[in-house]
Amino acid sequence: MTSSLKTFISIIIVNYNGKHFLKDCLTSVLHQDYLTFEVIVVDNASVDGSVEFIKNEFPTIRVIKSDKN
């Protein structure tokens, strides 16, 4: 195992009304080869149900909600 695989990283995704992209995007990110990582979605006041979708379908992903875009 290389040292880069031991480093903890954060994958940050910015979203605004992109619910229709989230399933493929987040599934892909979660299935990559890196071992120690977290995924954070920063949601810019989406009104399309993105936040609820992430919380229901991807409960391990951290969501930060912004009040405005």
C-alpha atoms as a PDB file:
ATOM      1  CA  MET A   1       0.000   0.000   0.000  1.00  0.00           C
ATOM      2  CA  THR A   2       1.407   3.374  -0.934  1.00  0.00           C
ATOM      3  CA  SER A   3       1.528   6.199   1.560  1.00  0.00           C
ATOM      4  CA  SER A   4      -1.039   8.166  -0.454  1.00  0.00           C
ATOM      5  CA  LEU A   5      -3.617   5.501   0.271  1.00  0.00           C
ATOM      6  CA  LYS A   6      -3.129   6.050   4.009  1.00  0.00           C
ATOM      7  CA  THR A   7      -3.796   9.778   3.904  1.00  0.00           C
ATOM      8  CA  PHE A   8      -7.279  10.859   4.877  1.00  0.00           C
ATOM      9  CA  ILE A   9      -8.987  13.033   2.280  1.00  0.00           C
ATOM     10  CA  SER A  10     -12.251  14.940   2.029  1.00  0.00           C
ATOM     11  CA  ILE A  11     -14.205  14.879  -1.210  1.00  0.00           C
ATOM     12  CA  ILE A  12     -16.362  17.989  -1.369  1.00  0.00           C
ATOM     13  CA  ILE A  13     -19.188  18.259  -3.888  1.00  0.00           C
ATOM     14  CA  VAL A  14     -21.119  21.481  -4.371  1.00  0.00           C
ATOM     15  CA  ASN A  15     -24.756  20.990  -5.355  1.00  0.00           C
ATOM     16  CA  TYR A  16     -27.576  23.259  -6.442  1.00  0.00           C
ATOM     17  CA  ASN A  17     -30.760  21.518  -7.613  1.00  0.00           C
ATOM     18  CA  GLY A  18     -28.726  18.636  -9.004  1.00  0.00           C
ATOM     19  CA  LYS A  19     -30.729  15.777  -7.520  1.00  0.00           C
ATOM     20  CA  HIS A  20     -30.935  14.069 -10.925  1.00  0.00           C
ATOM     21  CA  PHE A  21     -27.102  13.787 -10.944  1.00  0.00           C
ATOM     22  CA  LEU A  22     -26.568  12.771  -7.337  1.00  0.00           C
ATOM     23  CA  LYS A  23     -27.211   9.025  -7.474  1.00  0.00           C
ATOM     24  CA  ASP A  24     -24.620   8.375 -10.185  1.00  0.00           C
ATOM     25  CA  CYS A  25     -22.167  10.919  -8.800  1.00  0.00           C
ATOM     26  CA  LEU A  26     -22.230   9.752  -5.196  1.00  0.00           C
ATOM     27  CA  THR A  27     -22.286   6.058  -6.069  1.00  0.00           C
ATOM     28  CA  SER A  28     -19.201   6.562  -8.213  1.00  0.00           C
ATOM     29  CA  VAL A  29     -17.389   8.544  -5.529  1.00  0.00           C
ATOM     30  CA  LEU A  30     -18.147   5.943  -2.866  1.00  0.00           C
ATOM     31  CA  HIS A  31     -16.824   3.112  -5.063  1.00  0.00           C
ATOM     32  CA  GLN A  32     -13.416   4.580  -5.812  1.00  0.00           C
ATOM     33  CA  ASP A  33     -10.212   2.868  -4.620  1.00  0.00           C
ATOM     34  CA  TYR A  34      -9.087   5.321  -1.969  1.00  0.00           C
ATOM     35  CA  LEU A  35      -9.326   3.795   1.482  1.00  0.00           C
ATOM     36  CA  THR A  36      -9.653   6.651   3.957  1.00  0.00           C
ATOM     37  CA  PHE A  37     -11.974   9.407   2.882  1.00  0.00           C
ATOM     38  CA  GLU A  38     -15.117  11.307   3.690  1.00  0.00           C
ATOM     39  CA  VAL A  39     -17.670  12.782   1.327  1.00  0.00           C
ATOM     40  CA  ILE A  40     -19.220  16.160   2.032  1.00  0.00           C
ATOM     41  CA  VAL A  41     -21.967  17.686  -0.088  1.00  0.00           C
ATOM     42  CA  VAL A  42     -22.398  21.437   0.246  1.00  0.00           C
ATOM     43  CA  ASP A  43     -25.924  22.198  -0.865  1.00  0.00           C
ATOM     44  CA  ASN A  44     -26.633  25.747  -2.006  1.00  0.00           C
ATOM     45  CA  ALA A  45     -30.307  26.041  -1.035  1.00  0.00           C
ATOM     46  CA  SER A  46     -31.658  23.433  -3.449  1.00  0.00           C
ATOM     47  CA  VAL A  47     -35.433  23.147  -3.754  1.00  0.00           C
ATOM     48  CA  ASP A  48     -35.497  19.865  -5.698  1.00  0.00           C
ATOM     49  CA  GLY A  49     -35.251  17.497  -2.709  1.00  0.00           C
ATOM     50  CA  SER A  50     -31.487  16.997  -3.020  1.00  0.00           C
ATOM     51  CA  VAL A  51     -30.781  17.200   0.703  1.00  0.00           C
ATOM     52  CA  GLU A  52     -33.517  14.747   1.627  1.00  0.00           C
ATOM     53  CA  PHE A  53     -32.381  12.381  -1.129  1.00  0.00           C
ATOM     54  CA  ILE A  54     -28.804  12.367   0.138  1.00  0.00           C
ATOM     55  CA  LYS A  55     -29.858  11.866   3.755  1.00  0.00           C
ATOM     56  CA  ASN A  56     -32.148   8.956   2.820  1.00  0.00           C
ATOM     57  CA  GLU A  57     -30.055   7.212   0.162  1.00  0.00           C
ATOM     58  CA  PHE A  58     -26.504   8.023   1.333  1.00  0.00           C
ATOM     59  CA  PRO A  59     -26.652   8.395   5.132  1.00  0.00           C
ATOM     60  CA  THR A  60     -22.859   8.212   5.514  1.00  0.00           C
ATOM     61  CA  ILE A  61     -22.389  11.373   3.473  1.00  0.00           C
ATOM     62  CA  ARG A  62     -22.162  14.627   5.389  1.00  0.00           C
ATOM     63  CA  VAL A  63     -24.430  17.410   4.122  1.00  0.00           C
ATOM     64  CA  ILE A  64     -23.825  21.086   4.744  1.00  0.00           C
ATOM     65  CA  LYS A  65     -26.851  23.183   3.883  1.00  0.00           C
ATOM     66  CA  SER A  66     -26.454  26.783   2.782  1.00  0.00           C
ATOM     67  CA  ASP A  67     -29.353  29.214   3.069  1.00  0.00           C
ATOM     68  CA  LYS A  68     -28.618  30.761  -0.322  1.00  0.00           C
ATOM     69  CA  ASN A  69     -26.946  29.930  -3.623  1.00  0.00           C
END
